[in-house]
């Protein structure tokens, strides 16, 4: 028969002994702190300048692309409807877009008009 001898120094150790693996804190030198601050300031400057250039470019293009449409303010006569007004100012074709534009310009809640009501109509048609 064989006997098994256990080494007492090995018996006290656990095979998976927990060790402390906390990362050590990063300590920056004065030059490292300067470089980190410089990187943050540079990034913020780039973001601010790009945002400002987008705003100026957007306002420049919107000013160029907006063509003012002249409007005339009229008083609605008794019996007039949006369709009759659109028919009187429209050239040919579908008048639905013109009626929708008149509703939009005047912020009308319904297509009904009352006599004496003042509305704006476009003059470009």
Protein backbone atom coordinates (compact mmCIF):
# COMPACT_ATOMS: atom_id res chain seq x y z
CA UNK A 1 0.00 0.00 0.00
CA UNK A 2 1.08 3.48 -0.72
CA UNK A 3 0.75 6.46 1.47
CA UNK A 4 0.12 10.01 0.47
CA UNK A 5 2.14 12.71 2.13
CA UNK A 6 0.75 16.24 2.19
CA UNK A 7 3.10 19.14 2.36
CA UNK A 8 1.76 21.40 5.17
CA UNK A 9 2.84 24.63 3.45
CA UNK A 10 0.79 23.73 0.34
CA UNK A 11 -2.26 22.75 2.36
CA UNK A 12 -2.65 26.27 3.72
CA UNK A 13 -2.81 27.92 0.29
CA UNK A 14 -6.00 27.96 -1.66
CA UNK A 15 -5.69 27.26 -5.34
CA UNK A 16 -7.67 30.36 -6.38
CA UNK A 17 -6.68 32.90 -3.84
CA UNK A 18 -8.35 36.28 -4.42
CA UNK A 19 -5.95 39.01 -5.27
CA UNK A 20 -6.55 42.72 -5.36
CA UNK A 21 -6.57 43.79 -9.04
CA UNK A 22 -7.68 47.39 -8.64
CA UNK A 23 -6.20 49.64 -11.31
CA UNK A 24 -3.81 52.23 -10.08
CA UNK A 25 -5.03 55.80 -10.60
CA UNK A 26 -3.53 57.73 -13.50
CA UNK A 27 -1.40 60.60 -12.39
CA UNK A 28 -0.69 63.20 -15.00
CA UNK A 29 2.29 65.44 -14.98
CA UNK A 30 1.94 69.15 -15.54
CA UNK A 31 2.63 68.65 -19.24
CA UNK A 32 0.03 65.85 -19.41
CA UNK A 33 -2.61 68.07 -17.79
CA UNK A 34 -1.76 70.85 -20.25
CA UNK A 35 -2.12 68.52 -23.24
CA UNK A 36 -5.43 67.14 -21.94
CA UNK A 37 -6.84 70.65 -21.44
CA UNK A 38 -5.57 71.73 -24.84
CA UNK A 39 -7.33 68.75 -26.48
CA UNK A 40 -10.63 69.63 -24.77
CA UNK A 41 -10.40 73.32 -25.69
CA UNK A 42 -9.48 72.49 -29.30
CA UNK A 43 -12.41 70.06 -29.63
CA UNK A 44 -14.88 72.57 -28.22
CA UNK A 45 -13.54 75.31 -30.51
CA UNK A 46 -13.95 73.09 -33.57
CA UNK A 47 -17.52 72.23 -32.57
CA UNK A 48 -18.45 75.88 -31.97
CA UNK A 49 -16.90 77.09 -35.21
CA UNK A 50 -18.52 74.36 -37.29
CA UNK A 51 -21.89 75.12 -35.72
CA UNK A 52 -21.49 78.82 -36.39
CA UNK A 53 -20.53 78.19 -40.01
CA UNK A 54 -23.59 75.95 -40.46
CA UNK A 55 -25.83 78.69 -39.07
CA UNK A 56 -24.40 81.38 -41.33
CA UNK A 57 -24.54 79.08 -44.35
CA UNK A 58 -28.15 78.14 -43.58
CA UNK A 59 -29.20 81.78 -43.19
CA UNK A 60 -27.41 82.76 -46.40
CA UNK A 61 -29.08 80.02 -48.42
CA UNK A 62 -32.49 80.65 -46.90
CA UNK A 63 -32.27 84.37 -47.76
CA UNK A 64 -31.36 83.58 -51.36
CA UNK A 65 -33.97 80.89 -51.90
CA UNK A 66 -36.95 82.78 -50.44
CA UNK A 67 -38.83 84.60 -53.16
CA UNK A 68 -41.41 86.90 -51.63
CA UNK A 69 -44.88 86.28 -52.95
CA UNK A 70 -47.01 89.40 -53.05
CA UNK A 71 -50.37 89.13 -51.39
CA UNK A 72 -53.40 91.32 -51.66
CA UNK A 73 -55.86 91.79 -48.83
CA UNK A 74 -59.47 91.57 -49.96
CA UNK A 75 -62.85 91.76 -48.30
CA UNK A 76 -65.03 88.73 -48.94
CA UNK A 77 -68.23 89.62 -50.77
CA UNK A 78 -71.54 87.99 -49.84
CA UNK A 79 -71.79 84.53 -51.42
CA UNK A 80 -68.07 84.25 -52.21
CA UNK A 81 -66.29 81.00 -51.38
CA UNK A 82 -62.66 79.96 -51.41
CA UNK A 83 -63.32 78.11 -54.66
CA UNK A 84 -64.86 81.15 -56.35
CA UNK A 85 -61.96 83.34 -55.22
CA UNK A 86 -59.46 80.75 -56.47
CA UNK A 87 -61.33 80.53 -59.80
CA UNK A 88 -61.17 84.30 -60.23
CA UNK A 89 -57.40 84.54 -59.70
CA UNK A 90 -56.17 81.19 -61.05
CA UNK A 91 -55.06 80.79 -64.64
CA UNK A 92 -55.91 77.24 -65.59
CA UNK A 93 -55.74 73.81 -64.08
CA UNK A 94 -56.25 72.46 -60.62
CA UNK A 95 -57.35 75.04 -58.07
CA UNK A 96 -56.96 72.78 -55.02
CA UNK A 97 -53.39 73.97 -54.40
CA UNK A 98 -54.49 77.60 -54.55
CA UNK A 99 -57.35 76.99 -52.10
CA UNK A 100 -54.92 75.19 -49.76
CA UNK A 101 -52.50 78.11 -50.04
CA UNK A 102 -55.20 80.65 -49.18
CA UNK A 103 -56.19 78.56 -46.16
CA UNK A 104 -52.54 78.33 -45.08
CA UNK A 105 -51.78 82.03 -45.58
CA UNK A 106 -54.77 83.15 -43.54
CA UNK A 107 -54.55 80.40 -40.90
CA UNK A 108 -58.17 79.49 -41.49
CA UNK A 109 -59.61 76.76 -39.30
CA UNK A 110 -62.36 75.93 -41.83
CA UNK A 111 -62.92 76.71 -45.51
CA UNK A 112 -66.05 78.72 -44.71
CA UNK A 113 -65.91 82.47 -45.27
CA UNK A 114 -68.26 85.17 -44.05
CA UNK A 115 -69.18 88.37 -45.85
CA UNK A 116 -66.87 91.24 -44.93
CA UNK A 117 -64.10 88.94 -43.72
CA UNK A 118 -60.67 90.17 -44.81
CA UNK A 119 -58.26 87.59 -46.22
CA UNK A 120 -54.98 87.63 -48.10
CA UNK A 121 -54.79 86.11 -51.57
CA UNK A 122 -51.69 85.55 -53.69
CA UNK A 123 -51.35 87.66 -56.84
CA UNK A 124 -48.89 85.47 -58.73
CA UNK A 125 -51.49 83.10 -60.23
